[in-house]
Amino acid sequence: MIPNTPDAAPSIAAQLASFAHDLEPGMLPAAVVERAKLLMLDALGIALASSQQDFAHCAYRGLQALGGAGDSAVMGTFAPLPLRDAVLMNGILVHGLDFEDTHPGAITHPGASAFSLALGLAAQRHATGAEMIAAYVLAIEVAARLGAAARGGFHDVGFHPTGLVGAFGCTLAAGKLMGLDRAGLEHAQGVVLSMASGSMEFLSDGAWTKRMHPGWAGVCGLTAPALAGAGFRGPSQPYEGRFGLYASHLAARGLQADLSQCTRGLGERWEVLDVAVKLYPTCHFTHASIDAALALWAAGLRAEEVASVQVLLPQGVHPVVCEPVAAKRRPANVYESQFSIHHLVALALLRGELGLTELDAANLSDPQVQALADRIAHVADPEADTRPSFRANCACARTMGANCVGVSQCTAARRVNPSRALTSRPNSCAMRCWRCHAIKRCAGATPCWRLTGSKTQPPWRAP
């Protein structure tokens, strides 16, 4: 480990601690504040939709049995819980449907942990709304940079960066709300290094553990600064140290991190402005493929005409949403289906839309869905980087008609610009209304775009 000396450059933890310590609500640009409010509102809507799901009630029963009643609010119709349990529960609610925001550069969902932590702790500490927003933004700025530094490597080695880097962002946000000094904020980052976690093993069978990663990041973020504030010491180089975050998680596989990204542009470039709101309640790696399939459907292609589908995706996302092929074509449960290119493209081509309503357990055994999924194959996109990214191309071989001699086929192809699948700035009224509509569909509520009198329908069929 490299010691800190007067002549040495400040450690990453020291630089992040200084940024967190000095950040004040008035320093946030108006666009950043507006963006944060929109993302938090979006997270709240998703949490309310999640509160109807089995996983939410199971989680609440377990936490209530463990810690009993408390005075920290839980979103939805649940009774309050103790602070740490409420942060965990709210994180589960926001992330549970896989519908919340994504930072594309970090390939992480920073908002779920940031919102759950900032909401709970700000209420307990009687902070102002502006201070809560600043803490939320701080958590995202840190988590996004730490995730981007890994360059997709965390996924490659089986760690879910949402839980992993989210814990560090939440630690600094909580430390800020707790009033820690710079030294305390530095130690807190060292402490949380021994807590941050999140395994991708849930992909093997659609287990529910991914749903708890943001909330657990929030719990770690509460605990580490509380300990550091009481004098508990953490290692001084949790990121670049010999056994720091990147060396311990990436170096053994020969993967290199770009450590300069951990602090690049702090206070000048605001990563929260690049956080993308999802178009579909599925893994973000599937969005461009779904978008391409829906565009083909909107152009007149119907599932019964499809002889085969070839989906081109970056090699780096294949282990997450394409493999093993047999399991992806026959997902065992709804959550597993949200990470299946084969199932989701089949649904899009059959239904012409894809939202929470289409992610129904009945579709898992639907013969039409299964038959079409069997005709869908994935290949590496030769134009894409090997690292995880969000681009895709769908090519469908189509039988022209029963009255044709032999089997006549043509190819319909749709390549989607990743910026369409990464709707990073949905600030228009139409997009906001569409998000409400997409979330409300799961409860059978009247679409928001109708309630507001808007004639603009959801834009999923737009080119």
Protein backbone atom coordinates (compact mmCIF):
# COMPACT_ATOMS: atom_id res chain seq x y z
CA MET A 1 0.00 0.00 0.00
CA ILE A 2 1.36 3.42 -0.91
CA PRO A 3 1.56 5.69 2.16
CA ASN A 4 0.22 9.20 2.04
CA THR A 5 3.04 11.70 2.26
CA PRO A 6 3.04 15.49 1.95
CA ASP A 7 4.51 15.16 -1.55
CA ALA A 8 2.23 12.36 -2.75
CA ALA A 9 -0.87 13.06 -4.80
CA PRO A 10 -4.05 12.80 -2.73
CA SER A 11 -5.63 9.36 -2.77
CA ILE A 12 -8.88 8.77 -4.60
CA ALA A 13 -10.65 8.49 -1.24
CA ALA A 14 -9.19 11.82 -0.14
CA GLN A 15 -10.33 13.54 -3.33
CA LEU A 16 -13.83 12.11 -3.07
CA ALA A 17 -13.99 13.02 0.61
CA SER A 18 -13.04 16.62 -0.17
CA PHE A 19 -15.67 16.83 -2.88
CA ALA A 20 -18.34 15.42 -0.56
CA HIS A 21 -17.34 17.62 2.35
CA ASP A 22 -17.38 20.82 0.32
CA LEU A 23 -20.54 20.14 -1.70
CA GLU A 24 -23.43 22.40 -0.78
CA PRO A 25 -26.97 22.40 -2.22
CA GLY A 26 -26.46 25.83 -3.74
CA MET A 27 -23.58 24.51 -5.83
CA LEU A 28 -25.85 22.24 -7.86
CA PRO A 29 -26.85 23.62 -11.27
CA ALA A 30 -30.57 24.03 -11.79
CA ALA A 31 -30.56 21.32 -14.47
CA VAL A 32 -29.01 18.87 -12.02
CA VAL A 33 -31.62 19.60 -9.36
CA GLU A 34 -34.46 19.25 -11.87
CA ARG A 35 -33.01 15.99 -13.16
CA ALA A 36 -32.63 14.62 -9.63
CA LYS A 37 -36.25 15.43 -8.81
CA LEU A 38 -37.47 13.67 -11.95
CA LEU A 39 -35.39 10.56 -11.25
CA MET A 40 -36.56 10.41 -7.64
CA LEU A 41 -40.19 10.73 -8.71
CA ASP A 42 -39.63 7.94 -11.20
CA ALA A 43 -38.11 5.76 -8.46
CA LEU A 44 -41.09 6.42 -6.21
CA GLY A 45 -43.53 5.35 -8.92
CA ILE A 46 -41.65 2.11 -9.48
CA ALA A 47 -41.55 1.43 -5.74
CA LEU A 48 -45.33 1.81 -5.56
CA ALA A 49 -45.73 -0.68 -8.41
CA SER A 50 -43.30 -3.09 -6.72
CA SER A 51 -45.24 -2.98 -3.48
CA GLN A 52 -47.86 -5.29 -5.01
CA GLN A 53 -45.35 -8.03 -5.78
CA ASP A 54 -44.64 -11.21 -3.83
CA PHE A 55 -40.96 -10.43 -3.41
CA ALA A 56 -41.82 -7.16 -1.68
CA HIS A 57 -44.11 -8.79 0.88
CA CYS A 58 -41.60 -11.56 1.55
CA ALA A 59 -38.85 -9.03 2.14
CA TYR A 60 -41.03 -6.90 4.40
CA ARG A 61 -42.09 -9.88 6.53
CA GLY A 62 -38.48 -10.91 7.00
CA LEU A 63 -37.28 -7.45 7.97
CA GLN A 64 -40.22 -6.84 10.27
CA ALA A 65 -39.57 -10.15 12.04
CA LEU A 66 -35.92 -9.22 12.47
CA GLY A 67 -36.12 -5.62 13.63
CA GLY A 68 -39.75 -4.97 14.48
CA ALA A 69 -41.49 -1.65 14.01
CA GLY A 70 -39.66 1.61 13.49
CA ASP A 71 -40.16 5.22 12.53
CA SER A 72 -38.61 5.34 9.05
CA ALA A 73 -41.06 5.38 6.15
CA VAL A 74 -41.35 2.52 3.71
CA MET A 75 -42.79 3.38 0.32
CA GLY A 76 -46.18 1.96 -0.55
CA THR A 77 -48.64 0.69 2.03
CA PHE A 78 -46.08 -0.85 4.39
CA ALA A 79 -45.72 0.29 8.00
CA PRO A 80 -42.51 2.07 9.06
CA LEU A 81 -39.37 0.11 9.94
CA PRO A 82 -36.10 0.96 11.71
CA LEU A 83 -33.88 3.13 9.54
CA ARG A 84 -31.51 0.48 8.22
CA ASP A 85 -34.34 -1.93 7.48
CA ALA A 86 -36.35 0.82 5.78
CA VAL A 87 -33.39 1.71 3.54
CA LEU A 88 -32.99 -1.95 2.57
CA MET A 89 -36.71 -2.36 1.96
CA ASN A 90 -37.02 0.80 -0.12
CA GLY A 91 -34.03 -0.25 -2.20
CA ILE A 92 -35.74 -3.58 -2.88
CA LEU A 93 -38.91 -1.78 -3.95
CA VAL A 94 -37.14 0.62 -6.32
CA HIS A 95 -34.96 -2.05 -7.94
CA GLY A 96 -37.31 -5.00 -7.71
CA LEU A 97 -39.02 -4.64 -11.11
CA ASP A 98 -35.77 -3.84 -12.94
CA PHE A 99 -37.44 -0.71 -14.28
CA GLU A 100 -35.42 2.04 -12.62
CA ASP A 101 -32.71 4.21 -14.11
CA THR A 102 -29.27 3.23 -15.38
CA HIS A 103 -26.00 5.07 -15.78
CA PRO A 104 -24.72 3.75 -19.14
CA GLY A 105 -21.04 4.51 -18.59
CA ALA A 106 -20.96 2.74 -15.25
CA ILE A 107 -23.49 0.05 -16.26
CA THR A 108 -25.09 0.45 -12.86
CA HIS A 109 -28.36 1.57 -11.27
CA PRO A 110 -27.17 4.32 -8.93
CA GLY A 111 -30.54 5.90 -8.22
CA ALA A 112 -32.09 3.01 -6.30
CA SER A 113 -29.51 3.04 -3.52
CA ALA A 114 -29.03 6.81 -3.61
CA PHE A 115 -32.74 7.55 -3.25
CA SER A 116 -33.38 4.96 -0.55
CA LEU A 117 -30.42 6.16 1.51
CA ALA A 118 -31.00 9.88 1.08
CA LEU A 119 -34.75 9.66 1.74
CA GLY A 120 -34.39 7.66 4.95
CA LEU A 121 -31.41 9.37 6.50
CA ALA A 122 -32.48 12.90 5.56
CA ALA A 123 -35.81 12.31 7.30
CA GLN A 124 -34.12 10.95 10.41
CA ARG A 125 -31.65 13.85 10.55
CA HIS A 126 -34.37 16.45 9.82
CA ALA A 127 -32.41 17.65 6.80
CA THR A 128 -33.92 20.06 4.31
CA GLY A 129 -35.21 18.94 0.96
CA ALA A 130 -32.27 20.69 -0.71
CA GLU A 131 -29.84 18.77 1.51
CA MET A 132 -31.54 15.49 0.64
CA ILE A 133 -31.25 16.24 -3.08
CA ALA A 134 -27.57 17.13 -2.66
CA ALA A 135 -26.93 13.84 -0.86
CA TYR A 136 -28.75 11.94 -3.61
CA VAL A 137 -26.72 13.65 -6.33
CA LEU A 138 -23.49 13.05 -4.40
CA ALA A 139 -24.18 9.32 -4.19
CA ILE A 140 -24.81 9.14 -7.94
CA GLU A 141 -21.75 11.21 -8.85
CA VAL A 142 -19.49 8.88 -6.86
CA ALA A 143 -21.08 5.56 -7.86
CA ALA A 144 -21.18 6.49 -11.56
CA ARG A 145 -17.49 7.37 -11.62
CA LEU A 146 -16.39 4.29 -9.69
CA GLY A 147 -18.46 2.06 -11.96
CA ALA A 148 -17.17 3.69 -15.14
CA ALA A 149 -13.58 3.16 -14.00
CA ALA A 150 -14.11 -0.62 -14.15
CA ARG A 151 -14.96 -0.41 -17.88
CA GLY A 152 -17.47 -3.26 -17.63
CA GLY A 153 -15.06 -5.46 -15.70
CA PHE A 154 -17.24 -6.03 -12.65
CA HIS A 155 -19.83 -7.80 -14.77
CA ASP A 156 -17.11 -9.89 -16.38
CA VAL A 157 -16.02 -11.32 -13.03
CA GLY A 158 -19.54 -11.85 -11.70
CA PHE A 159 -20.03 -8.81 -9.48
CA HIS A 160 -23.08 -6.59 -9.78
CA PRO A 161 -21.72 -3.03 -9.76
CA THR A 162 -25.04 -1.59 -8.57
CA GLY A 163 -24.43 -3.07 -5.14
CA LEU A 164 -20.68 -2.82 -5.25
CA VAL A 165 -20.06 0.82 -6.18
CA GLY A 166 -23.43 1.95 -4.84
CA ALA A 167 -22.16 1.26 -1.33
CA PHE A 168 -19.36 3.80 -1.74
CA GLY A 169 -21.68 6.44 -3.14
CA CYS A 170 -24.10 5.91 -0.27
CA THR A 171 -21.27 6.05 2.25
CA LEU A 172 -20.25 9.52 1.19
CA ALA A 173 -23.86 10.71 0.95
CA ALA A 174 -24.61 9.42 4.44
CA GLY A 175 -21.37 10.80 5.82
CA LYS A 176 -22.29 14.19 4.39
CA LEU A 177 -25.72 14.12 6.05
CA MET A 178 -24.10 12.94 9.30
CA GLY A 179 -21.70 15.89 9.25
CA LEU A 180 -18.43 13.94 9.07
CA ASP A 181 -15.23 15.86 8.48
CA ARG A 182 -12.84 15.04 5.64
CA ALA A 183 -10.90 12.50 7.68
CA GLY A 184 -14.10 10.76 8.71
CA LEU A 185 -15.30 10.60 5.13
CA GLU A 186 -11.98 9.08 4.08
CA HIS A 187 -12.11 6.41 6.78
CA ALA A 188 -15.73 5.63 5.97
CA GLN A 189 -14.76 4.71 2.40
CA GLY A 190 -12.11 2.38 3.74
CA VAL A 191 -14.61 0.77 6.09
CA VAL A 192 -17.22 0.17 3.40
CA LEU A 193 -14.63 -1.61 1.24
CA SER A 194 -15.16 -4.59 3.56
CA MET A 195 -18.94 -4.41 3.16
CA ALA A 196 -19.67 -3.65 -0.50
CA SER A 197 -20.97 -6.65 -2.42
CA GLY A 198 -23.34 -7.99 -5.05
CA SER A 199 -23.11 -11.32 -6.91
CA MET A 200 -24.40 -12.00 -10.42
CA GLU A 201 -25.16 -15.64 -9.54
CA PHE A 202 -28.87 -14.76 -9.56
CA LEU A 203 -28.66 -15.17 -13.35
CA SER A 204 -28.38 -18.94 -12.95
CA ASP A 205 -32.00 -19.39 -11.89
CA GLY A 206 -33.71 -16.01 -11.64
CA ALA A 207 -33.17 -15.74 -7.89
CA TRP A 208 -34.34 -12.62 -6.09
CA THR A 209 -30.99 -11.58 -4.61
CA LYS A 210 -30.26 -8.91 -7.21
CA ARG A 211 -33.32 -7.06 -5.98
CA MET A 212 -31.67 -6.44 -2.62
CA HIS A 213 -28.34 -5.12 -3.92
CA PRO A 214 -29.19 -1.37 -3.95
CA GLY A 215 -30.84 -1.53 -0.53
CA TRP A 216 -27.89 -3.41 0.89
CA ALA A 217 -25.59 -0.76 -0.58
CA GLY A 218 -27.65 1.76 1.36
CA VAL A 219 -27.31 -0.25 4.57
CA CYS A 220 -23.54 -0.40 4.08
CA GLY A 221 -23.60 3.32 3.36
CA LEU A 222 -25.29 3.97 6.68
CA THR A 223 -23.08 1.69 8.72
CA ALA A 224 -19.63 2.66 7.46
CA PRO A 225 -19.83 6.41 8.20
CA ALA A 226 -21.52 5.74 11.53
CA LEU A 227 -18.51 3.65 12.52
CA ALA A 228 -16.01 6.09 11.04
CA GLY A 229 -17.73 8.99 12.79
CA ALA A 230 -17.18 7.20 16.09
CA GLY A 231 -13.47 6.84 15.38
CA PHE A 232 -13.37 3.45 13.64
CA ARG A 233 -10.46 3.43 11.19
CA GLY A 234 -10.56 2.22 7.60
CA PRO A 235 -7.73 1.68 5.09
CA SER A 236 -6.59 4.87 3.41
CA GLN A 237 -6.55 3.56 -0.17
CA PRO A 238 -9.72 1.54 -0.66
CA TYR A 239 -9.65 2.00 -4.44
CA GLU A 240 -6.03 1.97 -5.65
CA GLY A 241 -4.52 -0.03 -2.79
CA ARG A 242 -2.81 -3.41 -3.15
CA PHE A 243 -6.00 -5.14 -2.06
CA GLY A 244 -8.35 -2.29 -2.90
CA LEU A 245 -11.59 -2.42 -4.85
CA TYR A 246 -10.10 -2.69 -8.33
CA ALA A 247 -7.12 -4.90 -7.53
CA SER A 248 -9.20 -7.40 -5.58
CA HIS A 249 -12.07 -7.58 -8.05
CA LEU A 250 -10.41 -7.14 -11.44
CA ALA A 251 -6.65 -7.75 -11.36
CA ALA A 252 -6.88 -11.52 -10.84
CA ARG A 253 -8.63 -11.76 -14.22
CA GLY A 254 -6.12 -9.50 -15.89
CA LEU A 255 -8.62 -6.65 -16.19
CA GLN A 256 -7.48 -3.08 -15.83
CA ALA A 257 -9.41 -0.16 -14.41
CA ASP A 258 -9.08 3.44 -15.51
CA LEU A 259 -8.59 4.99 -12.09
CA SER A 260 -8.56 8.50 -13.52
CA GLN A 261 -12.31 8.20 -14.04
CA CYS A 262 -12.91 7.92 -10.30
CA THR A 263 -12.44 11.65 -9.79
CA ARG A 264 -12.55 13.08 -13.31
CA GLY A 265 -14.64 16.23 -13.65
CA LEU A 266 -15.90 16.34 -10.06
CA GLY A 267 -18.05 19.42 -9.67
CA GLU A 268 -17.74 20.28 -13.37
CA ARG A 269 -19.33 17.37 -15.19
CA TRP A 270 -22.50 16.05 -13.52
CA GLU A 271 -23.04 12.35 -14.12
CA VAL A 272 -26.65 12.53 -12.94
CA LEU A 273 -27.48 14.26 -16.22
CA ASP A 274 -26.47 11.11 -18.08
CA VAL A 275 -28.57 8.72 -16.01
CA ALA A 276 -30.94 6.94 -18.40
CA VAL A 277 -34.60 6.22 -17.70
CA LYS A 278 -35.65 2.80 -18.93
CA LEU A 279 -38.10 2.26 -21.75
CA TYR A 280 -38.84 -1.32 -20.68
CA PRO A 281 -38.88 -3.16 -17.31
CA THR A 282 -36.03 -5.46 -18.27
CA CYS A 283 -32.25 -5.58 -18.14
CA HIS A 284 -30.96 -2.55 -19.99
CA PHE A 285 -28.80 -4.78 -22.20
CA THR A 286 -32.03 -6.04 -23.79
CA HIS A 287 -33.56 -2.66 -24.61
CA ALA A 288 -32.08 -2.05 -28.03
CA SER A 289 -33.11 -5.55 -29.14
CA ILE A 290 -36.65 -5.03 -27.85
CA ASP A 291 -36.77 -1.64 -29.53
CA ALA A 292 -35.64 -3.18 -32.82
CA ALA A 293 -38.26 -5.94 -32.57
CA LEU A 294 -41.02 -3.44 -31.81
CA ALA A 295 -39.93 -1.29 -34.74
CA LEU A 296 -40.23 -4.32 -37.02
CA TRP A 297 -43.67 -5.05 -35.57
CA ALA A 298 -44.71 -1.43 -36.16
CA ALA A 299 -43.53 -1.77 -39.77
CA GLY A 300 -45.98 -4.64 -40.29
CA LEU A 301 -43.98 -7.75 -39.42
CA ARG A 302 -46.01 -10.34 -37.50
CA ALA A 303 -44.73 -13.28 -35.51
CA GLU A 304 -46.43 -15.86 -37.70
CA GLU A 305 -44.37 -14.63 -40.66
CA VAL A 306 -41.05 -15.05 -38.88
CA ALA A 307 -38.92 -18.01 -39.89
CA SER A 308 -35.92 -16.99 -37.79
CA VAL A 309 -34.46 -14.03 -35.94
CA GLN A 310 -30.80 -13.17 -35.54
CA VAL A 311 -29.98 -10.69 -32.79
CA LEU A 312 -26.56 -9.04 -32.96
CA LEU A 313 -25.24 -7.90 -29.59
CA PRO A 314 -21.87 -6.95 -28.11
CA GLN A 315 -19.99 -10.03 -26.95
CA GLY A 316 -19.75 -8.63 -23.43
CA VAL A 317 -23.49 -8.86 -22.75
CA HIS A 318 -23.95 -12.46 -23.94
CA PRO A 319 -23.31 -14.06 -20.52
CA VAL A 320 -25.95 -11.81 -18.96
CA VAL A 321 -28.86 -11.90 -21.43
CA CYS A 322 -28.11 -14.65 -23.99
CA GLU A 323 -26.50 -17.60 -22.25
CA PRO A 324 -27.04 -20.40 -21.53
CA VAL A 325 -29.34 -20.50 -24.54
CA ALA A 326 -31.59 -23.32 -23.31
CA ALA A 327 -32.35 -21.47 -20.08
CA LYS A 328 -32.88 -18.15 -21.85
CA ARG A 329 -35.39 -19.72 -24.24
CA ARG A 330 -37.26 -21.30 -21.33
CA PRO A 331 -36.93 -18.92 -18.35
CA ALA A 332 -38.13 -20.54 -15.16
CA ASN A 333 -39.74 -17.42 -13.72
CA VAL A 334 -40.63 -13.86 -14.62
CA TYR A 335 -37.47 -12.39 -13.14
CA GLU A 336 -35.30 -14.71 -15.17
CA SER A 337 -37.26 -13.73 -18.28
CA GLN A 338 -36.29 -10.08 -17.75
CA PHE A 339 -32.72 -11.10 -18.61
CA SER A 340 -33.52 -13.17 -21.71
CA ILE A 341 -33.07 -11.80 -25.22
CA HIS A 342 -34.85 -14.82 -26.69
CA HIS A 343 -37.96 -14.52 -24.54
CA LEU A 344 -38.22 -10.73 -24.69
CA VAL A 345 -37.74 -10.39 -28.44
CA ALA A 346 -40.35 -13.11 -28.91
CA LEU A 347 -42.78 -11.24 -26.66
CA ALA A 348 -42.17 -7.97 -28.49
CA LEU A 349 -42.81 -9.54 -31.90
CA LEU A 350 -45.95 -11.28 -30.65
CA ARG A 351 -47.53 -8.54 -28.55
CA GLY A 352 -46.32 -5.35 -30.23
CA GLU A 353 -45.42 -3.81 -26.88
CA LEU A 354 -43.50 -4.76 -23.78
CA GLY A 355 -44.29 -3.52 -20.32
CA LEU A 356 -45.08 -4.89 -16.90
CA THR A 357 -48.31 -6.41 -18.20
CA GLU A 358 -46.48 -8.48 -20.80
CA LEU A 359 -44.10 -9.81 -18.15
CA ASP A 360 -46.68 -12.26 -16.91
CA ALA A 361 -45.98 -15.78 -15.68
CA ALA A 362 -48.53 -17.15 -18.16
CA ASN A 363 -46.28 -16.07 -21.03
CA LEU A 364 -43.47 -18.31 -19.78
CA SER A 365 -45.34 -21.42 -20.92
CA ASP A 366 -47.21 -19.84 -23.83
CA PRO A 367 -46.64 -22.17 -26.84
CA GLN A 368 -46.45 -19.24 -29.25
CA VAL A 369 -43.82 -17.47 -27.16
CA GLN A 370 -41.79 -20.63 -26.77
CA ALA A 371 -41.99 -21.52 -30.45
CA LEU A 372 -40.81 -18.08 -31.49
CA ALA A 373 -38.06 -18.03 -28.85
CA ASP A 374 -36.75 -21.27 -30.37
CA ARG A 375 -36.34 -19.44 -33.68
CA ILE A 376 -34.27 -16.63 -32.15
CA ALA A 377 -30.48 -16.84 -32.11
CA HIS A 378 -27.84 -14.41 -30.88
CA VAL A 379 -24.47 -13.62 -32.42
CA ALA A 380 -21.65 -11.22 -31.61
CA ASP A 381 -21.98 -7.86 -33.32
CA PRO A 382 -18.76 -7.40 -35.33
CA GLU A 383 -19.16 -3.61 -35.20
CA ALA A 384 -19.42 -3.48 -31.40
CA ASP A 385 -16.76 -3.43 -28.74
CA THR A 386 -16.32 -6.69 -26.85
CA ARG A 387 -17.15 -4.94 -23.59
CA PRO A 388 -20.75 -4.69 -22.34
CA SER A 389 -22.72 -1.97 -24.12
CA PHE A 390 -26.27 -1.23 -25.22
CA ARG A 391 -26.41 -1.52 -29.01
CA ALA A 392 -28.25 -4.24 -30.94
CA ASN A 393 -29.46 -5.31 -34.36
CA CYS A 394 -32.35 -7.66 -35.18
CA ALA A 395 -32.57 -9.42 -38.53
CA CYS A 396 -35.67 -11.51 -39.26
CA ALA A 397 -35.95 -14.07 -42.02
CA ARG A 398 -39.59 -13.96 -43.09
CA THR A 399 -41.68 -16.48 -45.02
CA MET A 400 -43.58 -14.46 -47.64
CA GLY A 401 -46.76 -16.53 -47.94
CA ALA A 402 -48.28 -19.97 -48.18
CA ASN A 403 -49.13 -19.50 -51.84
CA CYS A 404 -45.47 -19.01 -52.75
CA VAL A 405 -43.62 -21.76 -54.57
CA GLY A 406 -41.17 -23.29 -52.16
CA VAL A 407 -40.11 -21.16 -49.28
CA SER A 408 -39.66 -17.54 -50.20
CA GLN A 409 -37.78 -15.47 -47.65
CA CYS A 410 -36.62 -11.94 -47.26
CA THR A 411 -34.71 -10.23 -44.52
CA ALA A 412 -36.01 -7.36 -42.45
CA ALA A 413 -33.37 -5.69 -40.31
CA ARG A 414 -33.45 -2.95 -37.74
CA ARG A 415 -30.38 -1.47 -36.07
CA VAL A 416 -31.12 0.69 -33.08
CA ASN A 417 -28.99 3.62 -32.04
CA PRO A 418 -28.09 3.02 -28.40
CA SER A 419 -29.21 6.56 -27.57
CA ARG A 420 -32.78 5.45 -28.25
CA ALA A 421 -32.43 2.55 -25.81
CA LEU A 422 -30.71 4.91 -23.37
CA THR A 423 -33.26 7.65 -22.91
CA SER A 424 -30.98 9.81 -20.83
CA ARG A 425 -33.01 13.01 -20.92
CA PRO A 426 -36.75 12.27 -20.92
CA ASN A 427 -37.72 15.78 -19.92
CA SER A 428 -40.60 16.23 -22.34
CA CYS A 429 -44.16 16.10 -21.05
CA ALA A 430 -44.86 13.21 -23.41
CA MET A 431 -42.03 11.09 -22.01
CA ARG A 432 -42.97 11.83 -18.41
CA CYS A 433 -46.56 10.87 -19.10
CA TRP A 434 -45.42 7.70 -20.86
CA ARG A 435 -43.35 6.64 -17.84
CA CYS A 436 -46.38 7.03 -15.58
CA HIS A 437 -48.45 5.08 -18.09
CA ALA A 438 -45.94 2.23 -18.26
CA ILE A 439 -45.81 1.90 -14.48
CA LYS A 440 -49.57 2.21 -13.97
CA ARG A 441 -50.36 -0.48 -16.53
CA CYS A 442 -49.38 -3.16 -13.99
CA ALA A 443 -52.21 -2.00 -11.71
CA GLY A 444 -54.78 -1.54 -14.46
CA ALA A 445 -54.96 2.19 -13.85
CA THR A 446 -56.05 4.67 -16.46
CA PRO A 447 -53.03 5.66 -18.57
CA CYS A 448 -51.56 8.95 -17.41
CA TRP A 449 -51.42 10.34 -20.93
CA ARG A 450 -55.22 10.06 -21.00
CA LEU A 451 -55.68 11.53 -17.53
CA THR A 452 -53.72 14.61 -18.58
CA GLY A 453 -55.66 14.98 -21.80
CA SER A 454 -52.52 14.38 -23.85
CA LYS A 455 -53.00 12.91 -27.30
CA THR A 456 -49.41 11.66 -27.30
CA GLN A 457 -49.32 7.90 -26.82
CA PRO A 458 -46.31 6.00 -25.50
CA PRO A 459 -43.38 6.32 -27.93
CA TRP A 460 -42.16 2.71 -28.06
CA ARG A 461 -43.07 2.40 -31.74
CA ALA A 462 -41.20 5.52 -32.74
CA PRO A 463 -38.16 4.99 -35.00
